[in-house]
Amino acid sequence: MKTARLVTIAALSALAASCNAPDESGANGSPQEASGQVAIDLRVRENDQSAYASLEAFTIPTSHEIGDGMMPYEGIGWENELVGYRLYLDGRLVSDIFGKKTGEPALAQIDEYGSYHDLAPWGMDVLKVGPSLGIGGIGIMRDGQPEQFVSVPELSVAIEQNGGDTGGFTITAGGIETPDGATGSFVANYSIGNGSPLTRVKVQSAGGLPLTSGIVMHDGVKLLQSGDDAADWRYVATWGDQQSENEDGLGMALFYRAGQANYGGFANSTQFVTFDSGEFEYAFLAAWELDPQGVQSLDAFETLLEKELQALEGARQ
């Protein structure tokens, strides 16, 4: 593994001291144990000989390279008793799925970069993202198709709430080149609560970025969409009996507001939507055959989709 060319130990220690709330984590920088089922996990190390330190906020250094092991799974992770997700904190900036076999917090126990690709007692990374937008990733439209940003020169993350019944964090991204050569930015707030696999995302952007989101679509899966009679929220989803990296059942869905986004179709391995303005909201979920949700068939997944759709319609936030 390459040595991570990041920040100095002194700078990292100072950052941890300034960002961590008093008495919320151990003196040795070990990950904080959430008081409830929701947990947000953000850990960083200077190089492959250093221990990971748990932080509440972090600005990604320009020296960070994909695969350098700076973070145990390349970004920030969040989970409840049903499912876990991660967001790559680099030029990809898309989300991935950690399928869980346990209702207890699990992501903070991942210490070795890459080890999460093998099935463990807690679960595993169950999604192959590739060049797509993963599950609910924020991307940019270029030449009529959704793409990862590739370069996000200014990127930071801050945990807003951790532990208890809800959790959330905020991503701030800037210096992004638009297709016409201008520069744009955006702020995205991610939140999750107990009892549902749904992550909600609220975005505010500036600079005319043509933003998009979607879900990766693999071969041999079933495409599902809500009817045109859906009032405020709609969804595009997939289910596959061998869609997961463990070659078993996995369902994914992207929910979007009818007045804020338009379904764009399929391109770059992604079922995607485009957004009409610089301020919008969407949501996504995953259900893995081996996780505590018990969704093991297409019918069960469709039932989950309708349940979550009705919950979003009822919230009206």
Protein backbone atom coordinates (compact mmCIF):
# COMPACT_ATOMS: atom_id res chain seq x y z
CA MET A 1 0.00 0.00 0.00
CA LYS A 2 1.29 3.49 -0.80
CA THR A 3 2.05 5.85 2.04
CA ALA A 4 -0.76 8.40 2.24
CA ARG A 5 0.59 11.87 1.44
CA LEU A 6 -1.93 13.74 3.55
CA VAL A 7 -1.59 15.98 6.56
CA THR A 8 1.00 15.92 9.32
CA ILE A 9 0.33 14.08 12.54
CA ALA A 10 0.37 17.39 14.36
CA ALA A 11 -2.24 18.85 12.01
CA LEU A 12 -4.45 15.78 12.26
CA SER A 13 -4.23 15.77 16.05
CA ALA A 14 -5.10 19.46 16.16
CA LEU A 15 -8.04 18.88 13.84
CA ALA A 16 -9.36 16.03 15.97
CA ALA A 17 -9.03 18.13 19.11
CA SER A 18 -10.87 21.06 17.57
CA CYS A 19 -13.64 19.03 15.92
CA ASN A 20 -14.52 16.35 18.46
CA ALA A 21 -17.01 17.37 21.12
CA PRO A 22 -15.82 16.87 24.72
CA ASP A 23 -16.34 13.41 26.21
CA GLU A 24 -17.85 12.00 22.99
CA SER A 25 -14.89 9.84 22.03
CA GLY A 26 -12.02 8.11 23.77
CA ALA A 27 -8.75 9.89 24.44
CA ASN A 28 -6.96 7.57 22.03
CA GLY A 29 -9.11 8.70 19.09
CA SER A 30 -11.03 5.41 18.84
CA PRO A 31 -14.42 5.56 17.06
CA GLN A 32 -17.27 6.87 19.17
CA GLU A 33 -19.90 4.29 20.05
CA ALA A 34 -23.30 5.62 19.11
CA SER A 35 -25.82 5.85 21.93
CA GLY A 36 -28.56 4.58 19.63
CA GLN A 37 -28.87 2.57 16.43
CA VAL A 38 -27.88 5.39 14.05
CA ALA A 39 -24.14 5.93 13.67
CA ILE A 40 -22.02 8.18 11.45
CA ASP A 41 -18.42 7.01 10.98
CA LEU A 42 -15.67 9.37 9.82
CA ARG A 43 -12.09 8.24 10.46
CA VAL A 44 -8.80 9.44 9.01
CA ARG A 45 -5.14 8.48 9.30
CA GLU A 46 -1.91 10.09 8.10
CA ASN A 47 -0.31 6.99 6.56
CA ASP A 48 -0.58 3.21 6.51
CA GLN A 49 1.41 2.94 9.74
CA SER A 50 -0.93 5.24 11.68
CA ALA A 51 -4.11 4.46 13.60
CA TYR A 52 -7.39 5.88 12.36
CA ALA A 53 -8.67 8.88 14.34
CA SER A 54 -12.38 9.56 14.67
CA LEU A 55 -13.34 13.09 13.58
CA GLU A 56 -16.46 15.25 13.50
CA ALA A 57 -15.33 17.26 10.48
CA PHE A 58 -12.61 17.05 7.85
CA THR A 59 -11.38 18.92 4.79
CA ILE A 60 -10.01 16.57 2.15
CA PRO A 61 -6.40 17.55 1.36
CA THR A 62 -5.36 18.04 -2.24
CA SER A 63 -2.75 15.30 -1.73
CA HIS A 64 -5.44 12.63 -1.24
CA GLU A 65 -5.43 9.90 -3.88
CA ILE A 66 -7.95 7.13 -4.46
CA GLY A 67 -6.66 3.96 -2.80
CA ASP A 68 -4.18 5.61 -0.44
CA GLY A 69 -5.96 4.26 2.65
CA MET A 70 -6.51 7.67 4.23
CA MET A 71 -9.97 6.48 5.31
CA PRO A 72 -10.76 2.81 6.04
CA TYR A 73 -13.33 2.63 3.25
CA GLU A 74 -12.52 5.74 1.21
CA GLY A 75 -15.07 8.06 2.76
CA ILE A 76 -17.75 8.65 5.38
CA GLY A 77 -20.16 5.88 6.44
CA TRP A 78 -23.60 5.99 7.99
CA GLU A 79 -25.93 3.27 9.21
CA ASN A 80 -28.95 2.33 11.24
CA GLU A 81 -30.14 -1.08 12.43
CA LEU A 82 -31.14 -2.08 8.88
CA VAL A 83 -28.48 -0.94 6.42
CA GLY A 84 -25.22 0.95 5.97
CA TYR A 85 -23.96 3.31 3.27
CA ARG A 86 -20.74 5.13 2.44
CA LEU A 87 -19.90 8.19 0.37
CA TYR A 88 -16.59 8.31 -1.48
CA LEU A 89 -14.81 11.50 -0.39
CA ASP A 90 -12.93 12.14 -3.62
CA GLY A 91 -13.67 13.03 -7.23
CA ARG A 92 -16.20 10.20 -7.48
CA LEU A 93 -18.42 11.53 -4.66
CA VAL A 94 -21.02 8.77 -5.14
CA SER A 95 -22.61 6.44 -2.60
CA ASP A 96 -22.21 2.70 -2.05
CA ILE A 97 -24.03 0.08 0.05
CA PHE A 98 -22.79 -1.81 3.09
CA GLY A 99 -25.17 -4.72 3.53
CA LYS A 100 -25.52 -5.60 7.21
CA LYS A 101 -26.24 -8.95 8.82
CA THR A 102 -26.57 -7.38 12.27
CA GLY A 103 -28.74 -4.67 13.79
CA GLU A 104 -25.81 -3.32 15.80
CA PRO A 105 -23.47 -0.54 14.57
CA ALA A 106 -20.84 -2.22 12.40
CA LEU A 107 -18.95 0.24 10.20
CA ALA A 108 -16.58 1.47 12.90
CA GLN A 109 -15.08 -2.02 13.14
CA ILE A 110 -13.76 -1.84 9.55
CA ASP A 111 -10.06 -1.07 10.02
CA GLU A 112 -8.34 -2.54 6.99
CA TYR A 113 -8.69 -0.81 3.65
CA GLY A 114 -10.42 -3.17 1.22
CA SER A 115 -11.31 -5.90 3.73
CA TYR A 116 -15.02 -5.09 3.46
CA HIS A 117 -15.27 -6.82 0.07
CA ASP A 118 -15.40 -10.23 1.79
CA LEU A 119 -18.48 -11.48 3.65
CA ALA A 120 -17.94 -11.01 7.40
CA PRO A 121 -20.18 -11.64 10.41
CA TRP A 122 -21.33 -7.99 10.24
CA GLY A 123 -21.90 -8.02 6.45
CA MET A 124 -20.01 -6.59 3.45
CA ASP A 125 -19.87 -4.07 0.61
CA VAL A 126 -22.61 -5.44 -1.66
CA LEU A 127 -22.60 -3.01 -4.59
CA LYS A 128 -20.33 -2.68 -7.61
CA VAL A 129 -20.36 1.04 -8.48
CA GLY A 130 -17.86 1.35 -11.35
CA PRO A 131 -18.24 4.58 -13.39
CA SER A 132 -21.95 4.92 -12.45
CA LEU A 133 -23.59 7.12 -9.82
CA GLY A 134 -23.79 4.16 -7.42
CA ILE A 135 -26.87 4.52 -5.26
CA GLY A 136 -28.08 8.10 -4.99
CA GLY A 137 -24.73 9.62 -5.90
CA ILE A 138 -24.60 13.25 -6.96
CA GLY A 139 -23.12 13.65 -10.42
CA ILE A 140 -22.94 16.05 -13.33
CA MET A 141 -24.55 15.90 -16.78
CA ARG A 142 -22.02 15.95 -19.62
CA ASP A 143 -23.00 15.44 -23.25
CA GLY A 144 -26.42 14.15 -22.24
CA GLN A 145 -25.31 11.49 -19.79
CA PRO A 146 -24.76 11.34 -16.01
CA GLU A 147 -21.13 11.18 -14.92
CA GLN A 148 -19.04 11.33 -11.78
CA PHE A 149 -17.36 14.70 -11.20
CA VAL A 150 -13.83 13.20 -11.47
CA SER A 151 -12.39 16.36 -9.90
CA VAL A 152 -13.73 18.13 -6.79
CA PRO A 153 -10.95 20.58 -5.88
CA GLU A 154 -12.59 21.77 -2.65
CA LEU A 155 -14.28 19.11 -0.53
CA SER A 156 -15.16 18.96 3.16
CA VAL A 157 -17.51 17.01 5.41
CA ALA A 158 -19.05 17.73 8.81
CA ILE A 159 -21.15 15.44 11.01
CA GLU A 160 -24.24 17.29 12.22
CA GLN A 161 -25.86 14.61 14.38
CA ASN A 162 -24.66 11.20 15.54
CA GLY A 163 -26.23 8.58 17.77
CA GLY A 164 -29.79 8.28 18.96
CA ASP A 165 -32.72 7.90 16.59
CA THR A 166 -31.39 10.08 13.76
CA GLY A 167 -28.08 11.07 12.23
CA GLY A 168 -26.79 13.33 9.52
CA PHE A 169 -23.82 15.02 7.91
CA THR A 170 -23.11 17.75 5.37
CA ILE A 171 -20.87 17.73 2.30
CA THR A 172 -19.51 21.00 0.91
CA ALA A 173 -18.04 20.77 -2.60
CA GLY A 174 -16.54 23.59 -4.63
CA GLY A 175 -14.33 24.49 -7.55
CA ILE A 176 -16.20 22.08 -9.84
CA GLU A 177 -15.90 22.82 -13.54
CA THR A 178 -19.19 23.03 -15.41
CA PRO A 179 -19.54 21.79 -19.00
CA ASP A 180 -19.31 25.38 -20.26
CA GLY A 181 -16.07 26.08 -18.40
CA ALA A 182 -17.49 27.99 -15.41
CA THR A 183 -17.04 26.97 -11.77
CA GLY A 184 -19.81 25.72 -9.50
CA SER A 185 -20.38 24.45 -5.98
CA PHE A 186 -22.96 22.74 -3.83
CA VAL A 187 -23.85 21.81 -0.26
CA ALA A 188 -25.61 18.49 0.41
CA ASN A 189 -27.12 17.36 3.70
CA TYR A 190 -27.57 13.59 4.21
CA SER A 191 -29.85 12.21 6.94
CA ILE A 192 -31.10 8.82 8.12
CA GLY A 193 -33.36 7.66 10.95
CA ASN A 194 -34.23 4.46 12.73
CA GLY A 195 -36.71 1.99 11.32
CA SER A 196 -36.21 2.75 7.61
CA PRO A 197 -33.44 2.12 5.06
CA LEU A 198 -34.11 5.54 3.51
CA THR A 199 -31.43 8.23 3.29
CA ARG A 200 -32.71 11.72 2.47
CA VAL A 201 -30.52 14.28 0.69
CA LYS A 202 -31.13 18.03 0.48
CA VAL A 203 -28.97 19.99 -1.97
CA GLN A 204 -28.29 23.66 -2.64
CA SER A 205 -26.01 24.44 -5.58
CA ALA A 206 -24.54 27.55 -7.21
CA GLY A 207 -22.80 28.33 -10.46
CA GLY A 208 -25.17 26.57 -12.83
CA LEU A 209 -24.03 23.00 -12.18
CA PRO A 210 -26.26 20.58 -14.16
CA LEU A 211 -26.62 18.08 -11.32
CA THR A 212 -28.02 14.58 -11.54
CA SER A 213 -28.52 11.50 -9.38
CA GLY A 214 -29.40 7.88 -9.99
CA ILE A 215 -28.79 4.21 -9.28
CA VAL A 216 -26.46 1.82 -11.04
CA MET A 217 -28.26 -0.81 -13.13
CA HIS A 218 -26.58 -4.17 -13.62
CA ASP A 219 -27.42 -6.83 -16.19
CA GLY A 220 -30.36 -9.12 -15.49
CA VAL A 221 -32.22 -6.91 -13.03
CA LYS A 222 -35.84 -5.83 -12.96
CA LEU A 223 -36.56 -2.12 -13.48
CA LEU A 224 -39.37 -0.70 -11.36
CA GLN A 225 -40.99 2.74 -11.53
CA SER A 226 -43.81 4.46 -9.69
CA GLY A 227 -46.93 5.32 -11.62
CA ASP A 228 -47.50 8.74 -13.18
CA ASP A 229 -50.32 9.27 -10.69
CA ALA A 230 -47.88 9.56 -7.78
CA ALA A 231 -48.58 12.92 -6.16
CA ASP A 232 -45.34 14.52 -5.01
CA TRP A 233 -42.69 11.79 -4.82
CA ARG A 234 -41.80 9.22 -7.47
CA TYR A 235 -39.20 6.51 -7.71
CA VAL A 236 -37.03 4.50 -10.07
CA ALA A 237 -35.77 1.20 -8.65
CA THR A 238 -34.16 -2.13 -9.49
CA TRP A 239 -34.32 -5.63 -8.04
CA GLY A 240 -32.03 -8.50 -8.89
CA ASP A 241 -31.72 -12.00 -7.41
CA GLN A 242 -27.97 -11.90 -8.11
CA GLN A 243 -27.40 -8.15 -8.19
CA SER A 244 -25.24 -7.96 -5.06
CA GLU A 245 -21.50 -8.57 -4.90
CA ASN A 246 -22.43 -11.66 -2.88
CA GLU A 247 -24.54 -12.80 -5.86
CA ASP A 248 -27.80 -12.72 -3.97
CA GLY A 249 -30.90 -10.52 -3.77
CA LEU A 250 -30.46 -6.74 -3.72
CA GLY A 251 -32.93 -3.93 -4.33
CA MET A 252 -32.14 -0.24 -4.82
CA ALA A 253 -34.37 2.80 -5.27
CA LEU A 254 -34.06 6.51 -5.92
CA PHE A 255 -36.97 8.73 -4.86
CA TYR A 256 -37.38 12.22 -6.32
CA ARG A 257 -39.92 15.03 -6.22
CA ALA A 258 -41.99 15.33 -9.38
CA GLY A 259 -41.77 19.13 -9.32
CA GLN A 260 -38.00 19.22 -8.90
CA ALA A 261 -36.62 16.47 -11.14
CA ASN A 262 -37.24 14.60 -14.35
CA TYR A 263 -36.54 10.96 -15.11
CA GLY A 264 -33.79 10.87 -17.70
CA GLY A 265 -33.63 7.19 -18.63
CA PHE A 266 -30.58 4.93 -18.75
CA ALA A 267 -27.02 6.00 -19.58
CA ASN A 268 -23.53 5.27 -18.29
CA SER A 269 -24.81 2.19 -16.41
CA THR A 270 -27.18 4.46 -14.46
CA GLN A 271 -30.93 4.95 -14.22
CA PHE A 272 -30.90 8.69 -13.62
CA VAL A 273 -32.88 11.84 -12.98
CA THR A 274 -31.94 15.46 -13.69
CA PHE A 275 -32.82 18.38 -11.43
CA ASP A 276 -34.64 21.52 -12.55
CA SER A 277 -33.02 24.07 -10.25
CA GLY A 278 -30.19 24.63 -7.81
CA GLU A 279 -32.23 23.59 -4.77
CA PHE A 280 -33.77 20.14 -4.54
CA GLU A 281 -34.31 17.04 -2.43
CA TYR A 282 -34.20 13.33 -3.13
CA ALA A 283 -33.83 10.04 -1.24
CA PHE A 284 -32.52 6.53 -1.76
CA LEU A 285 -32.68 3.10 -0.14
CA ALA A 286 -31.26 -0.39 -0.38
CA ALA A 287 -32.52 -3.80 0.79
CA TRP A 288 -30.19 -6.82 0.78
CA GLU A 289 -31.41 -10.39 1.06
CA LEU A 290 -29.29 -11.07 4.18
CA ASP A 291 -29.97 -7.85 6.08
CA PRO A 292 -32.42 -7.46 9.01
CA GLN A 293 -35.18 -6.08 6.75
CA GLY A 294 -36.13 -9.56 5.54
CA VAL A 295 -36.68 -8.47 1.91
CA GLN A 296 -35.89 -11.61 -0.09
CA SER A 297 -38.09 -11.32 -3.17
CA LEU A 298 -39.31 -8.89 -5.78
CA ASP A 299 -42.78 -8.82 -4.21
CA ALA A 300 -41.35 -7.97 -0.79
CA PHE A 301 -39.20 -5.23 -2.32
CA GLU A 302 -42.19 -3.70 -4.11
CA THR A 303 -44.06 -3.67 -0.80
CA LEU A 304 -41.14 -1.81 0.79
CA LEU A 305 -41.09 0.72 -2.04
CA GLU A 306 -44.77 1.54 -1.64
CA LYS A 307 -44.38 1.82 2.13
CA GLU A 308 -41.50 4.28 1.82
CA LEU A 309 -43.25 6.22 -0.94
CA GLN A 310 -46.29 6.71 1.27
CA ALA A 311 -44.06 7.76 4.17
CA LEU A 312 -42.40 10.42 2.02
CA GLU A 313 -45.79 11.64 0.78
CA GLY A 314 -47.00 11.83 4.36
CA ALA A 315 -43.97 13.78 5.58
CA ARG A 316 -44.37 16.67 3.08
CA GLN A 317 -41.23 18.38 4.37
